[in-house]
């Protein structure tokens, strides 16, 4: 009778351990589950917002023309841009024109240029026209050199990442972080954004293709992305302990069945 009870307890314990160590249900893993998987489909892109420049951004501006020497005065130089440049550290410098609190940058000869609320494409076109006064056939290239997002939680490579694309997206950031781990909760991605004096927490569901229509699909500078771990993440971390428990239960069962 005692042996029977021991076997029953032992069997129940094994089943409990297996249940605890099981992975998340597969149905919660694939992305964009509401997509028609039986045939190829296409949808009109209704949300294609380019990033708008705002105060605190650093613009890397390169200007060329038929006369390189004339264009040289406009290109970034620490000695020439008094107080309008930004350099984060000597070891890892970010060099460019800092957008001030009013949304302006200051170029040599040109002076104050309004860039806040514009895309890099718009600023490129605007400067190209302005520089015709000073240069022949000017060519302007602009990129934001300090656009950074922070990805952490249940991802392969949690870290801060710099994105130079004019349309930075949450999927780009997650790809840079090595994608979500298999244990991550794809329905519980949290986007944290400081905007208009407020800290916003936005829940993102990657299992639905509706994410592409969300205004939060496109990122802003210094956005944070937190990926919530599933229960199986905790279980996976505890597998060595569970192995010891199983071994101990096996030894106890063997001893009790012999005596």
C-alpha atoms as a PDB file:
ATOM      1  CA  UNK A   1       0.000   0.000   0.000  1.00  0.00           C
ATOM      2  CA  UNK A   2       2.816   2.400   0.904  1.00  0.00           C
ATOM      3  CA  UNK A   3       4.680   1.499  -2.279  1.00  0.00           C
ATOM      4  CA  UNK A   4       1.565   2.236  -4.330  1.00  0.00           C
ATOM      5  CA  UNK A   5       1.157   5.655  -2.723  1.00  0.00           C
ATOM      6  CA  UNK A   6       4.818   6.468  -3.291  1.00  0.00           C
ATOM      7  CA  UNK A   7       4.568   5.533  -6.969  1.00  0.00           C
ATOM      8  CA  UNK A   8       1.418   7.628  -7.334  1.00  0.00           C
ATOM      9  CA  UNK A   9       3.023  10.666  -5.702  1.00  0.00           C
ATOM     10  CA  UNK A  10       6.167  10.209  -7.756  1.00  0.00           C
ATOM     11  CA  UNK A  11       4.213   9.970 -11.016  1.00  0.00           C
ATOM     12  CA  UNK A  12       2.176  13.064 -10.170  1.00  0.00           C
ATOM     13  CA  UNK A  13       5.353  14.971  -9.353  1.00  0.00           C
ATOM     14  CA  UNK A  14       6.909  14.068 -12.695  1.00  0.00           C
ATOM     15  CA  UNK A  15       3.802  15.231 -14.566  1.00  0.00           C
ATOM     16  CA  UNK A  16       3.816  18.490 -12.593  1.00  0.00           C
ATOM     17  CA  UNK A  17       7.459  19.155 -13.435  1.00  0.00           C
ATOM     18  CA  UNK A  18       6.875  18.458 -17.114  1.00  0.00           C
ATOM     19  CA  UNK A  19       3.920  20.829 -17.109  1.00  0.00           C
ATOM     20  CA  UNK A  20       5.964  23.560 -15.475  1.00  0.00           C
ATOM     21  CA  UNK A  21       8.830  23.159 -17.918  1.00  0.00           C
ATOM     22  CA  UNK A  22       6.650  23.118 -21.040  1.00  0.00           C
ATOM     23  CA  UNK A  23       7.033  25.904 -23.583  1.00  0.00           C
ATOM     24  CA  UNK A  24       4.517  28.574 -24.438  1.00  0.00           C
ATOM     25  CA  UNK A  25       1.698  27.430 -26.681  1.00  0.00           C
ATOM     26  CA  UNK A  26       2.727  27.569 -30.341  1.00  0.00           C
ATOM     27  CA  UNK A  27      -0.372  29.570 -31.241  1.00  0.00           C
ATOM     28  CA  UNK A  28       1.072  32.535 -29.356  1.00  0.00           C
ATOM     29  CA  UNK A  29       4.400  32.538 -31.221  1.00  0.00           C
ATOM     30  CA  UNK A  30       3.823  33.458 -34.927  1.00  0.00           C
ATOM     31  CA  UNK A  31       3.572  37.118 -35.935  1.00  0.00           C
ATOM     32  CA  UNK A  32       0.676  38.630 -37.936  1.00  0.00           C
ATOM     33  CA  UNK A  33      -1.699  35.735 -37.333  1.00  0.00           C
ATOM     34  CA  UNK A  34      -4.700  37.528 -38.819  1.00  0.00           C
ATOM     35  CA  UNK A  35      -3.041  37.576 -42.230  1.00  0.00           C
ATOM     36  CA  UNK A  36      -4.624  35.387 -44.916  1.00  0.00           C
ATOM     37  CA  UNK A  37      -2.103  32.543 -45.102  1.00  0.00           C
ATOM     38  CA  UNK A  38      -3.874  30.651 -47.890  1.00  0.00           C
ATOM     39  CA  UNK A  39      -3.086  33.152 -50.617  1.00  0.00           C
ATOM     40  CA  UNK A  40      -0.887  36.156 -51.325  1.00  0.00           C
ATOM     41  CA  UNK A  41      -2.557  39.455 -50.519  1.00  0.00           C
ATOM     42  CA  UNK A  42      -1.702  43.146 -50.742  1.00  0.00           C
ATOM     43  CA  UNK A  43      -2.924  46.122 -48.754  1.00  0.00           C
ATOM     44  CA  UNK A  44      -2.635  49.843 -49.292  1.00  0.00           C
ATOM     45  CA  UNK A  45      -0.073  51.452 -46.993  1.00  0.00           C
ATOM     46  CA  UNK A  46      -1.967  54.060 -44.979  1.00  0.00           C
ATOM     47  CA  UNK A  47       0.684  54.707 -42.355  1.00  0.00           C
ATOM     48  CA  UNK A  48       4.056  55.696 -43.791  1.00  0.00           C
ATOM     49  CA  UNK A  49       5.191  58.463 -41.495  1.00  0.00           C
ATOM     50  CA  UNK A  50       8.734  59.726 -41.922  1.00  0.00           C
ATOM     51  CA  UNK A  51      10.505  60.787 -38.746  1.00  0.00           C
ATOM     52  CA  UNK A  52      10.077  64.471 -37.893  1.00  0.00           C
ATOM     53  CA  UNK A  53      13.111  66.292 -36.551  1.00  0.00           C
ATOM     54  CA  UNK A  54      12.784  67.785 -33.078  1.00  0.00           C
ATOM     55  CA  UNK A  55      14.923  69.485 -30.454  1.00  0.00           C
ATOM     56  CA  UNK A  56      17.793  67.375 -29.186  1.00  0.00           C
ATOM     57  CA  UNK A  57      18.393  65.671 -32.521  1.00  0.00           C
ATOM     58  CA  UNK A  58      21.856  65.921 -34.029  1.00  0.00           C
ATOM     59  CA  UNK A  59      22.014  66.377 -37.772  1.00  0.00           C
ATOM     60  CA  UNK A  60      24.989  65.188 -39.758  1.00  0.00           C
ATOM     61  CA  UNK A  61      25.066  67.543 -42.758  1.00  0.00           C
ATOM     62  CA  UNK A  62      27.371  67.150 -45.734  1.00  0.00           C
ATOM     63  CA  UNK A  63      27.341  69.788 -48.480  1.00  0.00           C
ATOM     64  CA  UNK A  64      29.169  69.557 -51.785  1.00  0.00           C
ATOM     65  CA  UNK A  65      29.208  71.666 -54.925  1.00  0.00           C
ATOM     66  CA  UNK A  66      31.206  72.259 -58.101  1.00  0.00           C
ATOM     67  CA  UNK A  67      33.623  74.244 -55.968  1.00  0.00           C
ATOM     68  CA  UNK A  68      34.622  72.013 -53.038  1.00  0.00           C
ATOM     69  CA  UNK A  69      36.507  74.810 -51.290  1.00  0.00           C
ATOM     70  CA  UNK A  70      33.432  77.032 -51.213  1.00  0.00           C
ATOM     71  CA  UNK A  71      31.296  74.186 -49.873  1.00  0.00           C
ATOM     72  CA  UNK A  72      33.834  73.354 -47.178  1.00  0.00           C
ATOM     73  CA  UNK A  73      32.800  76.261 -44.986  1.00  0.00           C
ATOM     74  CA  UNK A  74      29.328  74.754 -44.556  1.00  0.00           C
ATOM     75  CA  UNK A  75      30.460  71.293 -43.557  1.00  0.00           C
ATOM     76  CA  UNK A  76      30.722  70.538 -39.906  1.00  0.00           C
ATOM     77  CA  UNK A  77      33.892  71.669 -38.206  1.00  0.00           C
ATOM     78  CA  UNK A  78      34.309  72.053 -34.447  1.00  0.00           C
ATOM     79  CA  UNK A  79      36.378  75.200 -34.874  1.00  0.00           C
ATOM     80  CA  UNK A  80      33.819  76.889 -37.123  1.00  0.00           C
ATOM     81  CA  UNK A  81      30.531  76.002 -35.473  1.00  0.00           C
ATOM     82  CA  UNK A  82      30.768  77.849 -32.178  1.00  0.00           C
ATOM     83  CA  UNK A  83      28.416  76.283 -29.660  1.00  0.00           C
ATOM     84  CA  UNK A  84      26.186  74.694 -32.285  1.00  0.00           C
ATOM     85  CA  UNK A  85      27.863  71.314 -32.438  1.00  0.00           C
ATOM     86  CA  UNK A  86      27.378  68.376 -30.185  1.00  0.00           C
ATOM     87  CA  UNK A  87      29.946  65.826 -29.107  1.00  0.00           C
ATOM     88  CA  UNK A  88      28.809  63.176 -26.637  1.00  0.00           C
ATOM     89  CA  UNK A  89      32.230  61.905 -25.572  1.00  0.00           C
ATOM     90  CA  UNK A  90      35.817  61.822 -26.763  1.00  0.00           C
ATOM     91  CA  UNK A  91      35.715  58.027 -26.928  1.00  0.00           C
ATOM     92  CA  UNK A  92      32.477  57.765 -28.921  1.00  0.00           C
ATOM     93  CA  UNK A  93      31.820  61.124 -30.549  1.00  0.00           C
ATOM     94  CA  UNK A  94      28.558  62.042 -32.235  1.00  0.00           C
ATOM     95  CA  UNK A  95      29.376  65.001 -34.444  1.00  0.00           C
ATOM     96  CA  UNK A  96      26.823  67.233 -36.114  1.00  0.00           C
ATOM     97  CA  UNK A  97      24.470  70.177 -35.696  1.00  0.00           C
ATOM     98  CA  UNK A  98      22.368  70.124 -32.547  1.00  0.00           C
ATOM     99  CA  UNK A  99      18.723  71.135 -32.980  1.00  0.00           C
ATOM    100  CA  UNK A 100      18.001  73.683 -30.247  1.00  0.00           C
ATOM    101  CA  UNK A 101      14.861  74.022 -28.115  1.00  0.00           C
ATOM    102  CA  UNK A 102      13.279  76.216 -30.775  1.00  0.00           C
ATOM    103  CA  UNK A 103      13.853  73.608 -33.498  1.00  0.00           C
ATOM    104  CA  UNK A 104      16.671  75.512 -35.184  1.00  0.00           C
ATOM    105  CA  UNK A 105      20.233  74.838 -36.261  1.00  0.00           C
ATOM    106  CA  UNK A 106      22.837  77.456 -37.134  1.00  0.00           C
ATOM    107  CA  UNK A 107      24.861  77.183 -40.323  1.00  0.00           C
ATOM    108  CA  UNK A 108      27.880  79.325 -41.200  1.00  0.00           C
ATOM    109  CA  UNK A 109      26.942  82.302 -43.391  1.00  0.00           C
ATOM    110  CA  UNK A 110      23.308  81.167 -43.579  1.00  0.00           C
ATOM    111  CA  UNK A 111      22.597  81.614 -39.876  1.00  0.00           C
ATOM    112  CA  UNK A 112      19.476  80.211 -38.217  1.00  0.00           C
ATOM    113  CA  UNK A 113      17.628  77.481 -40.102  1.00  0.00           C
ATOM    114  CA  UNK A 114      14.271  76.090 -38.947  1.00  0.00           C
ATOM    115  CA  UNK A 115      14.323  72.282 -39.086  1.00  0.00           C
ATOM    116  CA  UNK A 116      12.003  71.215 -36.251  1.00  0.00           C
ATOM    117  CA  UNK A 117       8.889  69.399 -37.441  1.00  0.00           C
ATOM    118  CA  UNK A 118      10.422  68.610 -40.835  1.00  0.00           C
ATOM    119  CA  UNK A 119      11.759  65.371 -42.291  1.00  0.00           C
ATOM    120  CA  UNK A 120      15.377  65.045 -43.358  1.00  0.00           C
ATOM    121  CA  UNK A 121      14.160  65.023 -46.969  1.00  0.00           C
ATOM    122  CA  UNK A 122      12.352  68.324 -46.488  1.00  0.00           C
ATOM    123  CA  UNK A 123      15.370  69.922 -44.815  1.00  0.00           C
ATOM    124  CA  UNK A 124      17.600  68.648 -47.622  1.00  0.00           C
ATOM    125  CA  UNK A 125      15.376  70.305 -50.217  1.00  0.00           C
ATOM    126  CA  UNK A 126      15.104  73.504 -48.177  1.00  0.00           C
ATOM    127  CA  UNK A 127      18.861  73.839 -47.692  1.00  0.00           C
ATOM    128  CA  UNK A 128      19.510  73.023 -51.333  1.00  0.00           C
ATOM    129  CA  UNK A 129      17.469  76.072 -52.361  1.00  0.00           C
ATOM    130  CA  UNK A 130      18.953  78.308 -49.648  1.00  0.00           C
ATOM    131  CA  UNK A 131      22.531  77.432 -50.578  1.00  0.00           C
ATOM    132  CA  UNK A 132      22.037  78.495 -54.217  1.00  0.00           C
ATOM    133  CA  UNK A 133      22.837  81.981 -52.961  1.00  0.00           C
ATOM    134  CA  UNK A 134      26.295  80.811 -51.902  1.00  0.00           C
ATOM    135  CA  UNK A 135      27.139  77.793 -54.049  1.00  0.00           C
ATOM    136  CA  UNK A 136      26.768  76.544 -57.593  1.00  0.00           C
ATOM    137  CA  UNK A 137      24.755  73.334 -57.869  1.00  0.00           C
ATOM    138  CA  UNK A 138      24.868  72.458 -54.153  1.00  0.00           C
ATOM    139  CA  UNK A 139      24.203  68.871 -53.124  1.00  0.00           C
ATOM    140  CA  UNK A 140      23.010  68.313 -49.545  1.00  0.00           C
ATOM    141  CA  UNK A 141      22.989  65.050 -47.594  1.00  0.00           C
ATOM    142  CA  UNK A 142      21.451  64.922 -44.126  1.00  0.00           C
ATOM    143  CA  UNK A 143      20.965  62.182 -41.579  1.00  0.00           C
ATOM    144  CA  UNK A 144      20.176  62.074 -37.887  1.00  0.00           C
ATOM    145  CA  UNK A 145      23.305  60.758 -36.203  1.00  0.00           C
ATOM    146  CA  UNK A 146      22.033  60.299 -32.646  1.00  0.00           C
ATOM    147  CA  UNK A 147      18.760  58.450 -33.306  1.00  0.00           C
ATOM    148  CA  UNK A 148      18.842  55.749 -30.679  1.00  0.00           C
ATOM    149  CA  UNK A 149      16.329  53.253 -29.289  1.00  0.00           C
ATOM    150  CA  UNK A 150      16.605  50.921 -26.323  1.00  0.00           C
ATOM    151  CA  UNK A 151      15.447  47.311 -26.560  1.00  0.00           C
ATOM    152  CA  UNK A 152      15.418  45.077 -23.501  1.00  0.00           C
ATOM    153  CA  UNK A 153      13.518  42.260 -21.873  1.00  0.00           C
ATOM    154  CA  UNK A 154      13.077  38.861 -23.519  1.00  0.00           C
ATOM    155  CA  UNK A 155      15.155  39.463 -26.675  1.00  0.00           C
ATOM    156  CA  UNK A 156      18.349  37.856 -27.954  1.00  0.00           C
ATOM    157  CA  UNK A 157      20.562  40.960 -27.659  1.00  0.00           C
ATOM    158  CA  UNK A 158      19.170  43.637 -25.309  1.00  0.00           C
ATOM    159  CA  UNK A 159      21.016  46.886 -25.950  1.00  0.00           C
ATOM    160  CA  UNK A 160      20.756  50.424 -27.312  1.00  0.00           C
ATOM    161  CA  UNK A 161      20.705  50.670 -31.100  1.00  0.00           C
ATOM    162  CA  UNK A 162      21.316  53.510 -33.539  1.00  0.00           C
ATOM    163  CA  UNK A 163      19.027  53.671 -36.597  1.00  0.00           C
ATOM    164  CA  UNK A 164      19.740  55.959 -39.551  1.00  0.00           C
ATOM    165  CA  UNK A 165      16.668  55.083 -41.622  1.00  0.00           C
ATOM    166  CA  UNK A 166      14.212  57.950 -42.202  1.00  0.00           C
ATOM    167  CA  UNK A 167      11.331  55.585 -41.347  1.00  0.00           C
ATOM    168  CA  UNK A 168      12.548  53.719 -38.222  1.00  0.00           C
ATOM    169  CA  UNK A 169      10.103  51.028 -37.122  1.00  0.00           C
ATOM    170  CA  UNK A 170       9.595  48.819 -34.104  1.00  0.00           C
ATOM    171  CA  UNK A 171      10.272  45.714 -36.211  1.00  0.00           C
ATOM    172  CA  UNK A 172      13.610  47.191 -37.294  1.00  0.00           C
ATOM    173  CA  UNK A 173      14.597  47.734 -33.684  1.00  0.00           C
ATOM    174  CA  UNK A 174      13.592  44.205 -32.667  1.00  0.00           C
ATOM    175  CA  UNK A 175      15.524  42.777 -35.609  1.00  0.00           C
ATOM    176  CA  UNK A 176      18.640  44.648 -34.508  1.00  0.00           C
ATOM    177  CA  UNK A 177      18.147  43.105 -31.070  1.00  0.00           C
ATOM    178  CA  UNK A 178      18.189  39.628 -32.604  1.00  0.00           C
ATOM    179  CA  UNK A 179      14.389  39.213 -32.517  1.00  0.00           C
ATOM    180  CA  UNK A 180      12.244  38.025 -29.628  1.00  0.00           C
ATOM    181  CA  UNK A 181      13.189  34.866 -27.787  1.00  0.00           C
ATOM    182  CA  UNK A 182      10.803  31.954 -28.205  1.00  0.00           C
ATOM    183  CA  UNK A 183       9.639  32.528 -24.611  1.00  0.00           C
ATOM    184  CA  UNK A 184       8.661  36.180 -25.149  1.00  0.00           C
ATOM    185  CA  UNK A 185       5.041  37.305 -24.985  1.00  0.00           C
ATOM    186  CA  UNK A 186       4.390  38.697 -28.450  1.00  0.00           C
ATOM    187  CA  UNK A 187       1.114  40.235 -27.367  1.00  0.00           C
ATOM    188  CA  UNK A 188       2.765  42.205 -24.573  1.00  0.00           C
ATOM    189  CA  UNK A 189       5.406  44.449 -26.092  1.00  0.00           C
ATOM    190  CA  UNK A 190       5.581  47.762 -24.253  1.00  0.00           C
ATOM    191  CA  UNK A 191       6.717  50.926 -26.037  1.00  0.00           C
ATOM    192  CA  UNK A 192       7.816  53.663 -23.631  1.00  0.00           C
ATOM    193  CA  UNK A 193       7.969  57.167 -25.083  1.00  0.00           C
ATOM    194  CA  UNK A 194       8.693  60.569 -23.558  1.00  0.00           C
ATOM    195  CA  UNK A 195       6.559  63.064 -25.449  1.00  0.00           C
ATOM    196  CA  UNK A 196       5.088  66.488 -24.699  1.00  0.00           C
ATOM    197  CA  UNK A 197       6.266  66.350 -21.109  1.00  0.00           C
ATOM    198  CA  UNK A 198       4.670  62.951 -20.511  1.00  0.00           C
ATOM    199  CA  UNK A 199       5.892  59.383 -20.326  1.00  0.00           C
ATOM    200  CA  UNK A 200       3.619  57.151 -22.369  1.00  0.00           C
ATOM    201  CA  UNK A 201       3.289  53.375 -22.112  1.00  0.00           C
ATOM    202  CA  UNK A 202       1.858  51.785 -25.250  1.00  0.00           C
ATOM    203  CA  UNK A 203       0.992  48.098 -25.519  1.00  0.00           C
ATOM    204  CA  UNK A 204       1.958  46.482 -28.835  1.00  0.00           C
ATOM    205  CA  UNK A 205       0.608  43.166 -30.168  1.00  0.00           C
ATOM    206  CA  UNK A 206       2.943  41.602 -32.743  1.00  0.00           C
ATOM    207  CA  UNK A 207       0.597  38.684 -33.388  1.00  0.00           C
ATOM    208  CA  UNK A 208      -1.697  41.025 -35.335  1.00  0.00           C
ATOM    209  CA  UNK A 209      -0.930  42.773 -38.611  1.00  0.00           C
ATOM    210  CA  UNK A 210      -2.810  45.800 -37.261  1.00  0.00           C
ATOM    211  CA  UNK A 211       0.539  46.905 -35.856  1.00  0.00           C
ATOM    212  CA  UNK A 212       1.368  48.288 -39.324  1.00  0.00           C
ATOM    213  CA  UNK A 213      -1.513  50.777 -39.040  1.00  0.00           C
ATOM    214  CA  UNK A 214      -0.585  51.882 -35.536  1.00  0.00           C
ATOM    215  CA  UNK A 215       0.883  55.380 -35.074  1.00  0.00           C
ATOM    216  CA  UNK A 216       3.428  53.701 -32.792  1.00  0.00           C
ATOM    217  CA  UNK A 217       4.775  51.383 -35.480  1.00  0.00           C
ATOM    218  CA  UNK A 218       7.244  54.149 -36.331  1.00  0.00           C
ATOM    219  CA  UNK A 219       9.735  55.010 -33.625  1.00  0.00           C
ATOM    220  CA  UNK A 220      10.972  58.289 -32.215  1.00  0.00           C
ATOM    221  CA  UNK A 221      14.373  59.152 -30.837  1.00  0.00           C
ATOM    222  CA  UNK A 222      15.087  57.585 -27.418  1.00  0.00           C
ATOM    223  CA  UNK A 223      12.061  55.259 -27.509  1.00  0.00           C
ATOM    224  CA  UNK A 224      12.291  52.245 -25.225  1.00  0.00           C
ATOM    225  CA  UNK A 225      10.938  48.809 -26.170  1.00  0.00           C
ATOM    226  CA  UNK A 226      10.342  46.304 -23.395  1.00  0.00           C
ATOM    227  CA  UNK A 227       9.568  42.708 -24.326  1.00  0.00           C
ATOM    228  CA  UNK A 228       7.648  40.890 -21.607  1.00  0.00           C
ATOM    229  CA  UNK A 229       8.961  37.373 -20.823  1.00  0.00           C
ATOM    230  CA  UNK A 230       6.526  34.481 -20.587  1.00  0.00           C
ATOM    231  CA  UNK A 231       6.183  32.044 -17.704  1.00  0.00           C
ATOM    232  CA  UNK A 232       8.277  29.517 -19.596  1.00  0.00           C
ATOM    233  CA  UNK A 233      11.222  31.931 -19.380  1.00  0.00           C
ATOM    234  CA  UNK A 234      11.261  31.503 -15.627  1.00  0.00           C
ATOM    235  CA  UNK A 235      10.817  27.778 -16.037  1.00  0.00           C
ATOM    236  CA  UNK A 236      13.691  27.564 -18.508  1.00  0.00           C
ATOM    237  CA  UNK A 237      15.962  29.402 -16.094  1.00  0.00           C
ATOM    238  CA  UNK A 238      14.996  26.922 -13.426  1.00  0.00           C
ATOM    239  CA  UNK A 239      15.583  23.764 -15.474  1.00  0.00           C
ATOM    240  CA  UNK A 240      18.872  22.896 -13.703  1.00  0.00           C
ATOM    241  CA  UNK A 241      17.026  23.005 -10.377  1.00  0.00           C
ATOM    242  CA  UNK A 242      14.197  20.893 -11.771  1.00  0.00           C
ATOM    243  CA  UNK A 243      16.749  18.341 -12.934  1.00  0.00           C
ATOM    244  CA  UNK A 244      18.082  18.045  -9.402  1.00  0.00           C
ATOM    245  CA  UNK A 245      14.547  17.682  -8.035  1.00  0.00           C
ATOM    246  CA  UNK A 246      13.749  14.902 -10.518  1.00  0.00           C
ATOM    247  CA  UNK A 247      16.936  13.056  -9.596  1.00  0.00           C
ATOM    248  CA  UNK A 248      16.171  13.387  -5.895  1.00  0.00           C
ATOM    249  CA  UNK A 249      12.620  12.108  -6.372  1.00  0.00           C
ATOM    250  CA  UNK A 250      13.923   9.148  -8.354  1.00  0.00           C
ATOM    251  CA  UNK A 251      16.382   8.187  -5.612  1.00  0.00           C
ATOM    252  CA  UNK A 252      13.693   8.507  -2.933  1.00  0.00           C
ATOM    253  CA  UNK A 253      11.288   6.380  -4.942  1.00  0.00           C
ATOM    254  CA  UNK A 254      13.888   3.652  -5.461  1.00  0.00           C
ATOM    255  CA  UNK A 255      14.824   3.592  -1.781  1.00  0.00           C
ATOM    256  CA  UNK A 256      11.203   3.422  -0.584  1.00  0.00           C
ATOM    257  CA  UNK A 257      10.272   0.663  -3.018  1.00  0.00           C
ATOM    258  CA  UNK A 258      13.158  -1.504  -1.782  1.00  0.00           C
ATOM    259  CA  UNK A 259      12.352  -1.238   1.909  1.00  0.00           C
END
